[in-house]
Amino acid sequence: MTDVEGFPQGRKLGESRRRRTRVCLKVLIEAQGIAEPLTCQGETIVVNRHGALISTAVSLRVGMRIEIHVIPTDKHAPADVVYVDPDQPLVYGIGLVKPENILGVIFPT
């Protein structure tokens, strides 16, 4: 339940609900559809071990299962599209199926 300002009740302004550190990082990626034909280039915007905010050249939709290929590390991982930015329709939140460090980044704790 949320209060009038949109914060969960019992939480103070400035308290984060995130448990993991997010890092602003631009890295070239390729997204490929798993259940449907799709291949497109893109880049990460913000990353963590559980997923990323990405931008792509092709429209995605919430619920799509994609495979992310991180070009610099040559690592691949399946992910679900979990968010589409209503103000920037080519910006998406993705959640990795299995949290892992496919970017080769040392995340702060």
PDB file of N, CA and C in Angstrom:
ATOM      1  N   MET A   1       0.835  -1.160   0.000  1.00  0.00           N
ATOM      2  CA  MET A   1       0.000   0.000   0.000  1.00  0.00           C
ATOM      3  C   MET A   1       0.889   1.235   0.000  1.00  0.00           C
ATOM      4  N   THR A   2       0.501   2.280  -0.733  1.00  0.00           N
ATOM      5  CA  THR A   2       1.307   3.487  -0.807  1.00  0.00           C
ATOM      6  C   THR A   2       0.556   4.659  -0.218  1.00  0.00           C
ATOM      7  N   ASP A   3       1.306   5.656   0.209  1.00  0.00           N
ATOM      8  CA  ASP A   3       0.666   6.864   0.711  1.00  0.00           C
ATOM      9  C   ASP A   3       0.457   7.830  -0.447  1.00  0.00           C
ATOM     10  N   VAL A   4       0.063   9.045  -0.144  1.00  0.00           N
ATOM     11  CA  VAL A   4      -0.300  10.017  -1.163  1.00  0.00           C
ATOM     12  C   VAL A   4       0.854  10.335  -2.108  1.00  0.00           C
ATOM     13  N   GLU A   5       2.090  10.399  -1.586  1.00  0.00           N
ATOM     14  CA  GLU A   5       3.216  10.737  -2.439  1.00  0.00           C
ATOM     15  C   GLU A   5       3.723   9.564  -3.263  1.00  0.00           C
ATOM     16  N   GLY A   6       3.142   8.395  -3.125  1.00  0.00           N
ATOM     17  CA  GLY A   6       3.580   7.246  -3.899  1.00  0.00           C
ATOM     18  C   GLY A   6       4.641   6.421  -3.224  1.00  0.00           C
ATOM     19  N   PHE A   7       5.007   6.739  -1.978  1.00  0.00           N
ATOM     20  CA  PHE A   7       5.982   5.947  -1.247  1.00  0.00           C
ATOM     21  C   PHE A   7       5.247   4.890  -0.438  1.00  0.00           C
ATOM     22  N   PRO A   8       5.783   3.686  -0.341  1.00  0.00           N
ATOM     23  CA  PRO A   8       5.157   2.674   0.495  1.00  0.00           C
ATOM     24  C   PRO A   8       5.029   3.186   1.921  1.00  0.00           C
ATOM     25  N   GLN A   9       3.918   2.869   2.543  1.00  0.00           N
ATOM     26  CA  GLN A   9       3.720   3.305   3.917  1.00  0.00           C
ATOM     27  C   GLN A   9       4.819   2.738   4.802  1.00  0.00           C
ATOM     28  N   GLY A  10       5.271   3.557   5.750  1.00  0.00           N
ATOM     29  CA  GLY A  10       6.330   3.129   6.648  1.00  0.00           C
ATOM     30  C   GLY A  10       7.718   3.442   6.130  1.00  0.00           C
ATOM     31  N   ARG A  11       7.832   3.882   4.889  1.00  0.00           N
ATOM     32  CA  ARG A  11       9.127   4.249   4.318  1.00  0.00           C
ATOM     33  C   ARG A  11       9.283   5.753   4.329  1.00  0.00           C
ATOM     34  N   LYS A  12      10.499   6.195   4.528  1.00  0.00           N
ATOM     35  CA  LYS A  12      10.794   7.619   4.539  1.00  0.00           C
ATOM     36  C   LYS A  12      11.316   8.044   3.180  1.00  0.00           C
ATOM     37  N   LEU A  13      11.119   9.297   2.871  1.00  0.00           N
ATOM     38  CA  LEU A  13      11.657   9.858   1.651  1.00  0.00           C
ATOM     39  C   LEU A  13      13.164   9.608   1.606  1.00  0.00           C
ATOM     40  N   GLY A  14      13.658   9.149   0.479  1.00  0.00           N
ATOM     41  CA  GLY A  14      15.084   8.895   0.339  1.00  0.00           C
ATOM     42  C   GLY A  14      15.491   7.460   0.632  1.00  0.00           C
ATOM     43  N   GLU A  15      14.626   6.677   1.285  1.00  0.00           N
ATOM     44  CA  GLU A  15      14.952   5.274   1.533  1.00  0.00           C
ATOM     45  C   GLU A  15      14.770   4.494   0.236  1.00  0.00           C
ATOM     46  N   SER A  16      15.698   3.671  -0.066  1.00  0.00           N
ATOM     47  CA  SER A  16      15.638   2.884  -1.287  1.00  0.00           C
ATOM     48  C   SER A  16      15.048   1.512  -1.027  1.00  0.00           C
ATOM     49  N   ARG A  17      14.227   1.044  -1.955  1.00  0.00           N
ATOM     50  CA  ARG A  17      13.702  -0.315  -1.877  1.00  0.00           C
ATOM     51  C   ARG A  17      14.660  -1.290  -2.565  1.00  0.00           C
ATOM     52  N   ARG A  18      15.662  -0.786  -3.267  1.00  0.00           N
ATOM     53  CA  ARG A  18      16.620  -1.632  -3.977  1.00  0.00           C
ATOM     54  C   ARG A  18      17.579  -2.285  -3.001  1.00  0.00           C
ATOM     55  N   ARG A  19      17.855  -3.556  -3.237  1.00  0.00           N
ATOM     56  CA  ARG A  19      18.827  -4.270  -2.415  1.00  0.00           C
ATOM     57  C   ARG A  19      20.177  -4.342  -3.097  1.00  0.00           C
ATOM     58  N   ARG A  20      20.219  -4.147  -4.388  1.00  0.00           N
ATOM     59  CA  ARG A  20      21.453  -4.300  -5.152  1.00  0.00           C
ATOM     60  C   ARG A  20      21.897  -2.953  -5.707  1.00  0.00           C
ATOM     61  N   THR A  21      23.193  -2.799  -5.860  1.00  0.00           N
ATOM     62  CA  THR A  21      23.773  -1.585  -6.396  1.00  0.00           C
ATOM     63  C   THR A  21      23.551  -1.534  -7.901  1.00  0.00           C
ATOM     64  N   ARG A  22      23.145  -0.367  -8.361  1.00  0.00           N
ATOM     65  CA  ARG A  22      23.004  -0.126  -9.796  1.00  0.00           C
ATOM     66  C   ARG A  22      24.145   0.769 -10.252  1.00  0.00           C
ATOM     67  N   VAL A  23      24.653   0.503 -11.458  1.00  0.00           N
ATOM     68  CA  VAL A  23      25.780   1.238 -11.995  1.00  0.00           C
ATOM     69  C   VAL A  23      25.400   1.771 -13.375  1.00  0.00           C
ATOM     70  N   CYS A  24      25.623   3.083 -13.595  1.00  0.00           N
ATOM     71  CA  CYS A  24      25.422   3.659 -14.926  1.00  0.00           C
ATOM     72  C   CYS A  24      26.573   3.182 -15.804  1.00  0.00           C
ATOM     73  N   LEU A  25      26.229   2.543 -16.908  1.00  0.00           N
ATOM     74  CA  LEU A  25      27.267   1.963 -17.763  1.00  0.00           C
ATOM     75  C   LEU A  25      26.726   1.765 -19.169  1.00  0.00           C
ATOM     76  N   LYS A  26      27.425   2.322 -20.153  1.00  0.00           N
ATOM     77  CA  LYS A  26      27.054   2.118 -21.554  1.00  0.00           C
ATOM     78  C   LYS A  26      27.930   1.021 -22.130  1.00  0.00           C
ATOM     79  N   VAL A  27      27.290  -0.061 -22.530  1.00  0.00           N
ATOM     80  CA  VAL A  27      27.979  -1.195 -23.136  1.00  0.00           C
ATOM     81  C   VAL A  27      27.152  -1.654 -24.328  1.00  0.00           C
ATOM     82  N   LEU A  28      27.802  -1.924 -25.439  1.00  0.00           N
ATOM     83  CA  LEU A  28      27.086  -2.417 -26.616  1.00  0.00           C
ATOM     84  C   LEU A  28      26.573  -3.827 -26.369  1.00  0.00           C
ATOM     85  N   ILE A  29      25.306  -4.041 -26.757  1.00  0.00           N
ATOM     86  CA  ILE A  29      24.679  -5.354 -26.616  1.00  0.00           C
ATOM     87  C   ILE A  29      23.952  -5.706 -27.908  1.00  0.00           C
ATOM     88  N   GLU A  30      23.589  -6.967 -27.995  1.00  0.00           N
ATOM     89  CA  GLU A  30      22.688  -7.441 -29.037  1.00  0.00           C
ATOM     90  C   GLU A  30      21.595  -8.218 -28.332  1.00  0.00           C
ATOM     91  N   ALA A  31      20.359  -7.963 -28.710  1.00  0.00           N
ATOM     92  CA  ALA A  31      19.226  -8.702 -28.160  1.00  0.00           C
ATOM     93  C   ALA A  31      18.682  -9.605 -29.246  1.00  0.00           C
ATOM     94  N   GLN A  32      18.412 -10.846 -28.869  1.00  0.00           N
ATOM     95  CA  GLN A  32      17.876 -11.811 -29.820  1.00  0.00           C
ATOM     96  C   GLN A  32      16.660 -12.470 -29.199  1.00  0.00           C
ATOM     97  N   GLY A  33      15.586 -12.559 -29.967  1.00  0.00           N
ATOM     98  CA  GLY A  33      14.380 -13.205 -29.478  1.00  0.00           C
ATOM     99  C   GLY A  33      14.601 -14.691 -29.286  1.00  0.00           C
ATOM    100  N   ILE A  34      14.026 -15.250 -28.229  1.00  0.00           N
ATOM    101  CA  ILE A  34      14.138 -16.686 -27.984  1.00  0.00           C
ATOM    102  C   ILE A  34      12.938 -17.413 -28.582  1.00  0.00           C
ATOM    103  N   ALA A  35      11.737 -16.909 -28.339  1.00  0.00           N
ATOM    104  CA  ALA A  35      10.529 -17.573 -28.824  1.00  0.00           C
ATOM    105  C   ALA A  35      10.011 -16.972 -30.129  1.00  0.00           C
ATOM    106  N   GLU A  36      10.599 -15.894 -30.569  1.00  0.00           N
ATOM    107  CA  GLU A  36      10.150 -15.245 -31.798  1.00  0.00           C
ATOM    108  C   GLU A  36      11.331 -14.609 -32.505  1.00  0.00           C
ATOM    109  N   PRO A  37      11.220 -14.414 -33.823  1.00  0.00           N
ATOM    110  CA  PRO A  37      12.350 -13.860 -34.568  1.00  0.00           C
ATOM    111  C   PRO A  37      12.569 -12.385 -34.235  1.00  0.00           C
ATOM    112  N   LEU A  38      13.742 -12.074 -33.747  1.00  0.00           N
ATOM    113  CA  LEU A  38      14.114 -10.705 -33.404  1.00  0.00           C
ATOM    114  C   LEU A  38      15.613 -10.675 -33.186  1.00  0.00           C
ATOM    115  N   THR A  39      16.268  -9.724 -33.807  1.00  0.00           N
ATOM    116  CA  THR A  39      17.677  -9.449 -33.529  1.00  0.00           C
ATOM    117  C   THR A  39      17.866  -7.951 -33.673  1.00  0.00           C
ATOM    118  N   CYS A  40      18.467  -7.331 -32.657  1.00  0.00           N
ATOM    119  CA  CYS A  40      18.706  -5.898 -32.744  1.00  0.00           C
ATOM    120  C   CYS A  40      19.900  -5.507 -31.885  1.00  0.00           C
ATOM    121  N   GLN A  41      20.488  -4.397 -32.258  1.00  0.00           N
ATOM    122  CA  GLN A  41      21.589  -3.819 -31.499  1.00  0.00           C
ATOM    123  C   GLN A  41      21.029  -2.879 -30.447  1.00  0.00           C
ATOM    124  N   GLY A  42      21.814  -2.640 -29.422  1.00  0.00           N
ATOM    125  CA  GLY A  42      21.402  -1.706 -28.391  1.00  0.00           C
ATOM    126  C   GLY A  42      22.556  -1.418 -27.465  1.00  0.00           C
ATOM    127  N   GLU A  43      22.231  -0.808 -26.316  1.00  0.00           N
ATOM    128  CA  GLU A  43      23.243  -0.543 -25.314  1.00  0.00           C
ATOM    129  C   GLU A  43      22.606  -0.510 -23.943  1.00  0.00           C
ATOM    130  N   THR A  44      23.432  -0.793 -22.946  1.00  0.00           N
ATOM    131  CA  THR A  44      22.959  -0.699 -21.575  1.00  0.00           C
ATOM    132  C   THR A  44      22.991   0.769 -21.153  1.00  0.00           C
ATOM    133  N   ILE A  45      22.146   1.089 -20.167  1.00  0.00           N
ATOM    134  CA  ILE A  45      22.113   2.435 -19.595  1.00  0.00           C
ATOM    135  C   ILE A  45      22.502   2.345 -18.121  1.00  0.00           C
ATOM    136  N   VAL A  46      21.844   1.446 -17.408  1.00  0.00           N
ATOM    137  CA  VAL A  46      22.106   1.177 -15.991  1.00  0.00           C
ATOM    138  C   VAL A  46      22.119  -0.330 -15.841  1.00  0.00           C
ATOM    139  N   VAL A  47      23.055  -0.859 -15.047  1.00  0.00           N
ATOM    140  CA  VAL A  47      23.171  -2.313 -14.907  1.00  0.00           C
ATOM    141  C   VAL A  47      23.308  -2.713 -13.440  1.00  0.00           C
ATOM    142  N   ASN A  48      22.949  -3.968 -13.153  1.00  0.00           N
ATOM    143  CA  ASN A  48      23.289  -4.629 -11.893  1.00  0.00           C
ATOM    144  C   ASN A  48      23.331  -6.121 -12.165  1.00  0.00           C
ATOM    145  N   ARG A  49      23.550  -6.917 -11.133  1.00  0.00           N
ATOM    146  CA  ARG A  49      23.673  -8.368 -11.339  1.00  0.00           C
ATOM    147  C   ARG A  49      22.359  -9.028 -11.742  1.00  0.00           C
ATOM    148  N   HIS A  50      21.251  -8.352 -11.501  1.00  0.00           N
ATOM    149  CA  HIS A  50      19.939  -8.935 -11.756  1.00  0.00           C
ATOM    150  C   HIS A  50      19.309  -8.498 -13.067  1.00  0.00           C
ATOM    151  N   GLY A  51      19.895  -7.495 -13.719  1.00  0.00           N
ATOM    152  CA  GLY A  51      19.310  -7.017 -14.957  1.00  0.00           C
ATOM    153  C   GLY A  51      19.903  -5.695 -15.382  1.00  0.00           C
ATOM    154  N   ALA A  52      19.119  -4.972 -16.198  1.00  0.00           N
ATOM    155  CA  ALA A  52      19.630  -3.709 -16.741  1.00  0.00           C
ATOM    156  C   ALA A  52      18.496  -2.874 -17.296  1.00  0.00           C
ATOM    157  N   LEU A  53      18.783  -1.611 -17.453  1.00  0.00           N
ATOM    158  CA  LEU A  53      17.958  -0.724 -18.243  1.00  0.00           C
ATOM    159  C   LEU A  53      18.702  -0.612 -19.562  1.00  0.00           C
ATOM    160  N   ILE A  54      18.033  -0.910 -20.655  1.00  0.00           N
ATOM    161  CA  ILE A  54      18.686  -0.929 -21.962  1.00  0.00           C
ATOM    162  C   ILE A  54      17.900  -0.084 -22.952  1.00  0.00           C
ATOM    163  N   SER A  55      18.568   0.309 -24.027  1.00  0.00           N
ATOM    164  CA  SER A  55      17.877   0.912 -25.166  1.00  0.00           C
ATOM    165  C   SER A  55      18.198   0.052 -26.381  1.00  0.00           C
ATOM    166  N   THR A  56      17.219  -0.089 -27.244  1.00  0.00           N
ATOM    167  CA  THR A  56      17.399  -0.893 -28.454  1.00  0.00           C
ATOM    168  C   THR A  56      16.854  -0.145 -29.661  1.00  0.00           C
ATOM    169  N   ALA A  57      17.205  -0.616 -30.838  1.00  0.00           N
ATOM    170  CA  ALA A  57      16.747  -0.006 -32.080  1.00  0.00           C
ATOM    171  C   ALA A  57      15.397  -0.556 -32.527  1.00  0.00           C
ATOM    172  N   VAL A  58      14.934  -1.628 -31.887  1.00  0.00           N
ATOM    173  CA  VAL A  58      13.695  -2.301 -32.259  1.00  0.00           C
ATOM    174  C   VAL A  58      12.792  -2.386 -31.032  1.00  0.00           C
ATOM    175  N   SER A  59      11.495  -2.283 -31.246  1.00  0.00           N
ATOM    176  CA  SER A  59      10.541  -2.356 -30.133  1.00  0.00           C
ATOM    177  C   SER A  59      10.508  -3.742 -29.505  1.00  0.00           C
ATOM    178  N   LEU A  60      10.485  -3.759 -28.185  1.00  0.00           N
ATOM    179  CA  LEU A  60      10.303  -4.981 -27.400  1.00  0.00           C
ATOM    180  C   LEU A  60       8.998  -4.815 -26.628  1.00  0.00           C
ATOM    181  N   ARG A  61       8.538  -5.860 -25.959  1.00  0.00           N
ATOM    182  CA  ARG A  61       7.331  -5.741 -25.145  1.00  0.00           C
ATOM    183  C   ARG A  61       7.511  -6.506 -23.838  1.00  0.00           C
ATOM    184  N   VAL A  62       6.813  -6.063 -22.828  1.00  0.00           N
ATOM    185  CA  VAL A  62       6.862  -6.727 -21.523  1.00  0.00           C
ATOM    186  C   VAL A  62       6.454  -8.183 -21.707  1.00  0.00           C
ATOM    187  N   GLY A  63       7.208  -9.061 -21.081  1.00  0.00           N
ATOM    188  CA  GLY A  63       6.937 -10.497 -21.163  1.00  0.00           C
ATOM    189  C   GLY A  63       7.776 -11.236 -22.187  1.00  0.00           C
ATOM    190  N   MET A  64       8.438 -10.512 -23.081  1.00  0.00           N
ATOM    191  CA  MET A  64       9.303 -11.178 -24.073  1.00  0.00           C
ATOM    192  C   MET A  64      10.495 -11.801 -23.379  1.00  0.00           C
ATOM    193  N   ARG A  65      10.861 -12.980 -23.822  1.00  0.00           N
ATOM    194  CA  ARG A  65      12.101 -13.624 -23.377  1.00  0.00           C
ATOM    195  C   ARG A  65      13.122 -13.382 -24.483  1.00  0.00           C
ATOM    196  N   ILE A  66      14.236 -12.790 -24.108  1.00  0.00           N
ATOM    197  CA  ILE A  66      15.292 -12.490 -25.069  1.00  0.00           C
ATOM    198  C   ILE A  66      16.609 -13.049 -24.551  1.00  0.00           C
ATOM    199  N   GLU A  67      17.570 -13.134 -25.451  1.00  0.00           N
ATOM    200  CA  GLU A  67      18.932 -13.460 -25.041  1.00  0.00           C
ATOM    201  C   GLU A  67      19.768 -12.213 -25.262  1.00  0.00           C
ATOM    202  N   ILE A  68      20.478 -11.806 -24.218  1.00  0.00           N
ATOM    203  CA  ILE A  68      21.359 -10.649 -24.304  1.00  0.00           C
ATOM    204  C   ILE A  68      22.771 -11.138 -24.591  1.00  0.00           C
ATOM    205  N   HIS A  69      23.382 -10.543 -25.590  1.00  0.00           N
ATOM    206  CA  HIS A  69      24.786 -10.814 -25.910  1.00  0.00           C
ATOM    207  C   HIS A  69      25.549  -9.527 -25.619  1.00  0.00           C
ATOM    208  N   VAL A  70      26.446  -9.579 -24.667  1.00  0.00           N
ATOM    209  CA  VAL A  70      27.286  -8.426 -24.325  1.00  0.00           C
ATOM    210  C   VAL A  70      28.504  -8.476 -25.242  1.00  0.00           C
ATOM    211  N   ILE A  71      28.578  -7.520 -26.155  1.00  0.00           N
ATOM    212  CA  ILE A  71      29.611  -7.548 -27.196  1.00  0.00           C
ATOM    213  C   ILE A  71      31.036  -7.550 -26.604  1.00  0.00           C
ATOM    214  N   PRO A  72      31.389  -6.633 -25.685  1.00  0.00           N
ATOM    215  CA  PRO A  72      32.787  -6.616 -25.202  1.00  0.00           C
ATOM    216  C   PRO A  72      33.222  -7.880 -24.461  1.00  0.00           C
ATOM    217  N   THR A  73      32.321  -8.529 -23.729  1.00  0.00           N
ATOM    218  CA  THR A  73      32.713  -9.726 -22.977  1.00  0.00           C
ATOM    219  C   THR A  73      32.404 -11.013 -23.728  1.00  0.00           C
ATOM    220  N   ASP A  74      31.608 -10.915 -24.788  1.00  0.00           N
ATOM    221  CA  ASP A  74      31.136 -12.067 -25.569  1.00  0.00           C
ATOM    222  C   ASP A  74      30.348 -13.054 -24.706  1.00  0.00           C
ATOM    223  N   LYS A  75      29.693 -12.557 -23.654  1.00  0.00           N
ATOM    224  CA  LYS A  75      28.862 -13.411 -22.803  1.00  0.00           C
ATOM    225  C   LYS A  75      27.402 -13.271 -23.193  1.00  0.00           C
ATOM    226  N   HIS A  76      26.652 -14.360 -22.984  1.00  0.00           N
ATOM    227  CA  HIS A  76      25.230 -14.421 -23.325  1.00  0.00           C
ATOM    228  C   HIS A  76      24.436 -14.804 -22.080  1.00  0.00           C
ATOM    229  N   ALA A  77      23.193 -14.307 -22.003  1.00  0.00           N
ATOM    230  CA  ALA A  77      22.323 -14.704 -20.898  1.00  0.00           C
ATOM    231  C   ALA A  77      20.865 -14.460 -21.294  1.00  0.00           C
ATOM    232  N   PRO A  78      19.972 -15.380 -20.920  1.00  0.00           N
ATOM    233  CA  PRO A  78      18.544 -15.140 -21.169  1.00  0.00           C
ATOM    234  C   PRO A  78      18.009 -14.111 -20.183  1.00  0.00           C
ATOM    235  N   ALA A  79      17.052 -13.308 -20.662  1.00  0.00           N
ATOM    236  CA  ALA A  79      16.453 -12.266 -19.831  1.00  0.00           C
ATOM    237  C   ALA A  79      14.998 -12.064 -20.245  1.00  0.00           C
ATOM    238  N   ASP A  80      14.222 -11.521 -19.322  1.00  0.00           N
ATOM    239  CA  ASP A  80      12.828 -11.172 -19.593  1.00  0.00           C
ATOM    240  C   ASP A  80      12.697  -9.660 -19.641  1.00  0.00           C
ATOM    241  N   VAL A  81      11.915  -9.165 -20.596  1.00  0.00           N
ATOM    242  CA  VAL A  81      11.598  -7.744 -20.634  1.00  0.00           C
ATOM    243  C   VAL A  81      10.530  -7.521 -19.571  1.00  0.00           C
ATOM    244  N   VAL A  82      10.840  -6.679 -18.585  1.00  0.00           N
ATOM    245  CA  VAL A  82       9.934  -6.476 -17.454  1.00  0.00           C
ATOM    246  C   VAL A  82       9.356  -5.066 -17.401  1.00  0.00           C
ATOM    247  N   TYR A  83       9.869  -4.149 -18.225  1.00  0.00           N
ATOM    248  CA  TYR A  83       9.427  -2.757 -18.154  1.00  0.00           C
ATOM    249  C   TYR A  83       9.662  -2.076 -19.493  1.00  0.00           C
ATOM    250  N   VAL A  84       8.696  -1.268 -19.909  1.00  0.00           N
ATOM    251  CA  VAL A  84       8.853  -0.394 -21.064  1.00  0.00           C
ATOM    252  C   VAL A  84       8.649   1.030 -20.562  1.00  0.00           C
ATOM    253  N   ASP A  85       9.614   1.896 -20.813  1.00  0.00           N
ATOM    254  CA  ASP A  85       9.519   3.283 -20.361  1.00  0.00           C
ATOM    255  C   ASP A  85       8.424   3.989 -21.165  1.00  0.00           C
ATOM    256  N   PRO A  86       7.368   4.480 -20.495  1.00  0.00           N
ATOM    257  CA  PRO A  86       6.271   5.115 -21.231  1.00  0.00           C
ATOM    258  C   PRO A  86       6.680   6.408 -21.939  1.00  0.00           C
ATOM    259  N   ASP A  87       7.740   7.065 -21.448  1.00  0.00           N
ATOM    260  CA  ASP A  87       8.192   8.309 -22.068  1.00  0.00           C
ATOM    261  C   ASP A  87       9.249   8.092 -23.144  1.00  0.00           C
ATOM    262  N   GLN A  88       9.900   6.940 -23.109  1.00  0.00           N
ATOM    263  CA  GLN A  88      10.939   6.603 -24.082  1.00  0.00           C
ATOM    264  C   GLN A  88      10.694   5.166 -24.537  1.00  0.00           C
ATOM    265  N   PRO A  89       9.833   4.963 -25.526  1.00  0.00           N
ATOM    266  CA  PRO A  89       9.389   3.607 -25.870  1.00  0.00           C
ATOM    267  C   PRO A  89      10.468   2.623 -26.335  1.00  0.00           C
ATOM    268  N   LEU A  90      11.684   3.068 -26.574  1.00  0.00           N
ATOM    269  CA  LEU A  90      12.756   2.141 -26.941  1.00  0.00           C
ATOM    270  C   LEU A  90      13.720   1.912 -25.779  1.00  0.00           C
ATOM    271  N   VAL A  91      13.263   2.217 -24.553  1.00  0.00           N
ATOM    272  CA  VAL A  91      14.047   1.975 -23.335  1.00  0.00           C
ATOM    273  C   VAL A  91      13.301   0.944 -22.497  1.00  0.00           C
ATOM    274  N   TYR A  92      14.034  -0.090 -22.066  1.00  0.00           N
ATOM    275  CA  TYR A  92      13.408  -1.249 -21.412  1.00  0.00           C
ATOM    276  C   TYR A  92      14.167  -1.670 -20.169  1.00  0.00           C
ATOM    277  N   GLY A  93      13.437  -2.183 -19.224  1.00  0.00           N
ATOM    278  CA  GLY A  93      14.036  -2.851 -18.087  1.00  0.00           C
ATOM    279  C   GLY A  93      14.027  -4.338 -18.362  1.00  0.00           C
ATOM    280  N   ILE A  94      15.158  -4.991 -18.157  1.00  0.00           N
ATOM    281  CA  ILE A  94      15.220  -6.442 -18.343  1.00  0.00           C
ATOM    282  C   ILE A  94      15.703  -7.091 -17.055  1.00  0.00           C
ATOM    283  N   GLY A  95      15.199  -8.274 -16.792  1.00  0.00           N
ATOM    284  CA  GLY A  95      15.641  -9.058 -15.650  1.00  0.00           C
ATOM    285  C   GLY A  95      16.301 -10.329 -16.149  1.00  0.00           C
ATOM    286  N   LEU A  96      17.519 -10.566 -15.717  1.00  0.00           N
ATOM    287  CA  LEU A  96      18.205 -11.804 -16.107  1.00  0.00           C
ATOM    288  C   LEU A  96      17.491 -12.989 -15.481  1.00  0.00           C
ATOM    289  N   VAL A  97      17.342 -14.057 -16.218  1.00  0.00           N
ATOM    290  CA  VAL A  97      16.700 -15.262 -15.704  1.00  0.00           C
ATOM    291  C   VAL A  97      17.483 -15.799 -14.516  1.00  0.00           C
ATOM    292  N   LYS A  98      18.807 -15.777 -14.629  1.00  0.00           N
ATOM    293  CA  LYS A  98      19.700 -16.194 -13.536  1.00  0.00           C
ATOM    294  C   LYS A  98      20.650 -15.035 -13.269  1.00  0.00           C
ATOM    295  N   PRO A  99      20.551 -14.392 -12.108  1.00  0.00           N
ATOM    296  CA  PRO A  99      21.447 -13.263 -11.833  1.00  0.00           C
ATOM    297  C   PRO A  99      22.915 -13.665 -11.962  1.00  0.00           C
ATOM    298  N   GLU A 100      23.633 -12.909 -12.771  1.00  0.00           N
ATOM    299  CA  GLU A 100      25.062 -13.163 -12.974  1.00  0.00           C
ATOM    300  C   GLU A 100      25.724 -11.913 -13.527  1.00  0.00           C
ATOM    301  N   ASN A 101      27.016 -11.875 -13.489  1.00  0.00           N
ATOM    302  CA  ASN A 101      27.773 -10.726 -13.953  1.00  0.00           C
ATOM    303  C   ASN A 101      28.257 -10.986 -15.378  1.00  0.00           C
ATOM    304  N   ILE A 102      27.389 -10.727 -16.351  1.00  0.00           N
ATOM    305  CA  ILE A 102      27.766 -10.955 -17.753  1.00  0.00           C
ATOM    306  C   ILE A 102      28.548  -9.783 -18.339  1.00  0.00           C
ATOM    307  N   LEU A 103      28.623  -8.675 -17.598  1.00  0.00           N
ATOM    308  CA  LEU A 103      29.312  -7.484 -18.093  1.00  0.00           C
ATOM    309  C   LEU A 103      30.773  -7.426 -17.675  1.00  0.00           C
ATOM    310  N   GLY A 104      31.176  -8.253 -16.726  1.00  0.00           N
ATOM    311  CA  GLY A 104      32.552  -8.216 -16.250  1.00  0.00           C
ATOM    312  C   GLY A 104      32.836  -7.013 -15.368  1.00  0.00           C
ATOM    313  N   VAL A 105      31.795  -6.449 -14.750  1.00  0.00           N
ATOM    314  CA  VAL A 105      31.924  -5.261 -13.910  1.00  0.00           C
ATOM    315  C   VAL A 105      32.111  -5.679 -12.468  1.00  0.00           C
ATOM    316  N   ILE A 106      32.958  -4.968 -11.732  1.00  0.00           N
ATOM    317  CA  ILE A 106      33.055  -5.178 -10.291  1.00  0.00           C
ATOM    318  C   ILE A 106      32.074  -4.212  -9.661  1.00  0.00           C
ATOM    319  N   PHE A 107      30.999  -4.752  -9.105  1.00  0.00           N
ATOM    320  CA  PHE A 107      29.945  -3.925  -8.530  1.00  0.00           C
ATOM    321  C   PHE A 107      30.315  -3.501  -7.127  1.00  0.00           C
ATOM    322  N   PRO A 108      30.074  -2.217  -6.784  1.00  0.00           N
ATOM    323  CA  PRO A 108      30.296  -1.795  -5.407  1.00  0.00           C
ATOM    324  C   PRO A 108      29.291  -2.483  -4.489  1.00  0.00           C
ATOM    325  N   THR A 109      29.637  -2.638  -3.231  1.00  0.00           N
ATOM    326  CA  THR A 109      28.711  -3.283  -2.293  1.00  0.00           C
ATOM    327  C   THR A 109      27.920  -2.264  -1.529  1.00  0.00           C
TER     328      THR A 109
END
